[in-house]
C-alpha atoms as a PDB file:
ATOM      1  CA  MET A   1       0.000   0.000   0.000  1.00  0.00           C
ATOM      2  CA  LEU A   2       1.358   3.400  -1.013  1.00  0.00           C
ATOM      3  CA  ILE A   3       0.172   6.249   1.221  1.00  0.00           C
ATOM      4  CA  ILE A   4       0.850   9.954   0.729  1.00  0.00           C
ATOM      5  CA  ASP A   5       2.511  11.349   3.837  1.00  0.00           C
ATOM      6  CA  ILE A   6       2.774  14.948   2.653  1.00  0.00           C
ATOM      7  CA  VAL A   7       2.680  16.983  -0.542  1.00  0.00           C
ATOM      8  CA  GLU A   8       5.689  19.307  -0.809  1.00  0.00           C
ATOM      9  CA  GLY A   9       5.737  21.598  -3.830  1.00  0.00           C
ATOM     10  CA  ASP A  10       5.378  19.362  -6.863  1.00  0.00           C
ATOM     11  CA  ILE A  11       6.276  16.132  -5.038  1.00  0.00           C
ATOM     12  CA  ALA A  12       4.130  13.680  -3.066  1.00  0.00           C
ATOM     13  CA  VAL A  13       6.208  12.065  -0.332  1.00  0.00           C
ATOM     14  CA  CYS A  14       4.790   8.568   0.048  1.00  0.00           C
ATOM     15  CA  GLU A  15       5.283   5.676   2.438  1.00  0.00           C
ATOM     16  CA  SER A  16       5.169   2.032   1.554  1.00  0.00           C
ATOM     17  CA  GLY A  17       5.949  -0.018   4.613  1.00  0.00           C
ATOM     18  CA  ALA A  18       9.355   1.164   5.808  1.00  0.00           C
ATOM     19  CA  ASP A  19      10.228   2.732   2.437  1.00  0.00           C
ATOM     20  CA  THR A  20       9.753   6.339   1.335  1.00  0.00           C
ATOM     21  CA  LEU A  21       9.113   7.283  -2.278  1.00  0.00           C
ATOM     22  CA  ASN A  22       8.980  10.758  -3.831  1.00  0.00           C
ATOM     23  CA  ILE A  23       6.473  10.867  -6.679  1.00  0.00           C
ATOM     24  CA  PRO A  24       6.110  13.913  -8.943  1.00  0.00           C
ATOM     25  CA  LEU A  25       2.538  15.247  -8.867  1.00  0.00           C
ATOM     26  CA  SER A  26       2.577  15.127 -12.664  1.00  0.00           C
ATOM     27  CA  GLN A  27       2.514  11.304 -12.349  1.00  0.00           C
ATOM     28  CA  ILE A  28      -0.567  11.294 -10.104  1.00  0.00           C
ATOM     29  CA  LYS A  29      -4.028  11.574 -11.636  1.00  0.00           C
ATOM     30  CA  GLY A  30      -6.308  13.867  -9.640  1.00  0.00           C
ATOM     31  CA  THR A  31      -5.536  16.156  -6.712  1.00  0.00           C
ATOM     32  CA  PRO A  32      -3.600  14.151  -4.144  1.00  0.00           C
ATOM     33  CA  LYS A  33      -3.494  15.042  -0.453  1.00  0.00           C
ATOM     34  CA  SER A  34      -2.002  13.654   2.728  1.00  0.00           C
ATOM     35  CA  GLY A  35      -3.443  10.295   3.676  1.00  0.00           C
ATOM     36  CA  ASP A  36      -4.533   9.309   0.174  1.00  0.00           C
ATOM     37  CA  VAL A  37      -3.840   5.738  -0.895  1.00  0.00           C
ATOM     38  CA  LEU A  38      -2.284   5.423  -4.347  1.00  0.00           C
ATOM     39  CA  LYS A  39      -2.125   2.548  -6.757  1.00  0.00           C
ATOM     40  CA  ARG A  40      -0.027   2.341  -9.865  1.00  0.00           C
ATOM     41  CA  LYS A  41      -1.722   2.034 -13.227  1.00  0.00           C
ATOM     42  CA  GLY A  42       0.864   1.788 -15.978  1.00  0.00           C
ATOM     43  CA  GLU A  43       3.090   4.867 -15.854  1.00  0.00           C
ATOM     44  CA  ILE A  44       0.814   6.898 -13.564  1.00  0.00           C
ATOM     45  CA  TYR A  45      -0.632   6.637 -10.087  1.00  0.00           C
ATOM     46  CA  ILE A  46      -4.302   6.990  -9.269  1.00  0.00           C
ATOM     47  CA  ILE A  47      -5.960   7.762  -5.958  1.00  0.00           C
ATOM     48  CA  ASP A  48      -7.682   4.660  -4.643  1.00  0.00           C
ATOM     49  CA  GLU A  49     -10.830   6.357  -3.330  1.00  0.00           C
ATOM     50  CA  SER A  50     -12.312   3.297  -1.629  1.00  0.00           C
ATOM     51  CA  SER A  51      -9.079   2.335   0.150  1.00  0.00           C
ATOM     52  CA  THR A  52      -8.518   5.977   1.165  1.00  0.00           C
ATOM     53  CA  ALA A  53     -12.059   6.230   2.599  1.00  0.00           C
ATOM     54  CA  ALA A  54     -11.694   2.928   4.467  1.00  0.00           C
ATOM     55  CA  ARG A  55      -8.343   4.007   5.895  1.00  0.00           C
ATOM     56  CA  ARG A  56      -9.737   7.388   7.003  1.00  0.00           C
ATOM     57  CA  ARG A  57     -12.710   5.658   8.699  1.00  0.00           C
ATOM     58  CA  ARG A  58     -10.372   3.267  10.507  1.00  0.00           C
ATOM     59  CA  MET A  59      -8.145   6.140  11.676  1.00  0.00           C
ATOM     60  CA  ALA A  60     -11.221   8.048  12.951  1.00  0.00           C
ATOM     61  CA  GLU A  61     -12.384   4.940  14.843  1.00  0.00           C
ATOM     62  CA  LEU A  62      -8.962   4.533  16.449  1.00  0.00           C
ATOM     63  CA  GLN A  63      -8.864   8.200  17.481  1.00  0.00           C
ATOM     64  CA  ASN A  64     -12.381   7.942  18.871  1.00  0.00           C
ATOM     65  CA  ASP A  65     -11.391   4.864  20.909  1.00  0.00           C
ATOM     66  CA  ILE A  66      -8.377   6.667  22.336  1.00  0.00           C
ATOM     67  CA  PHE A  67     -10.299   9.739  23.413  1.00  0.00           C
ATOM     68  CA  THR A  68     -13.431   7.998  24.741  1.00  0.00           C
ATOM     69  CA  ASN A  69     -11.759   5.248  26.767  1.00  0.00           C
END
């Protein structure tokens, strides 16, 4: 899974496990933002909307558990 950590200028700094990858925004279809999950499709990357939404829901659940327990 390739997750955008931060967008700096024209580069998306991504994490994949323990590895970091800098991807030019010109290679990403759409408007990427921190936390988006990317998948490679040929020579470009696309934002995996369903995986991103599921990951955001899971993170919200974890935060809710921390602050309510």
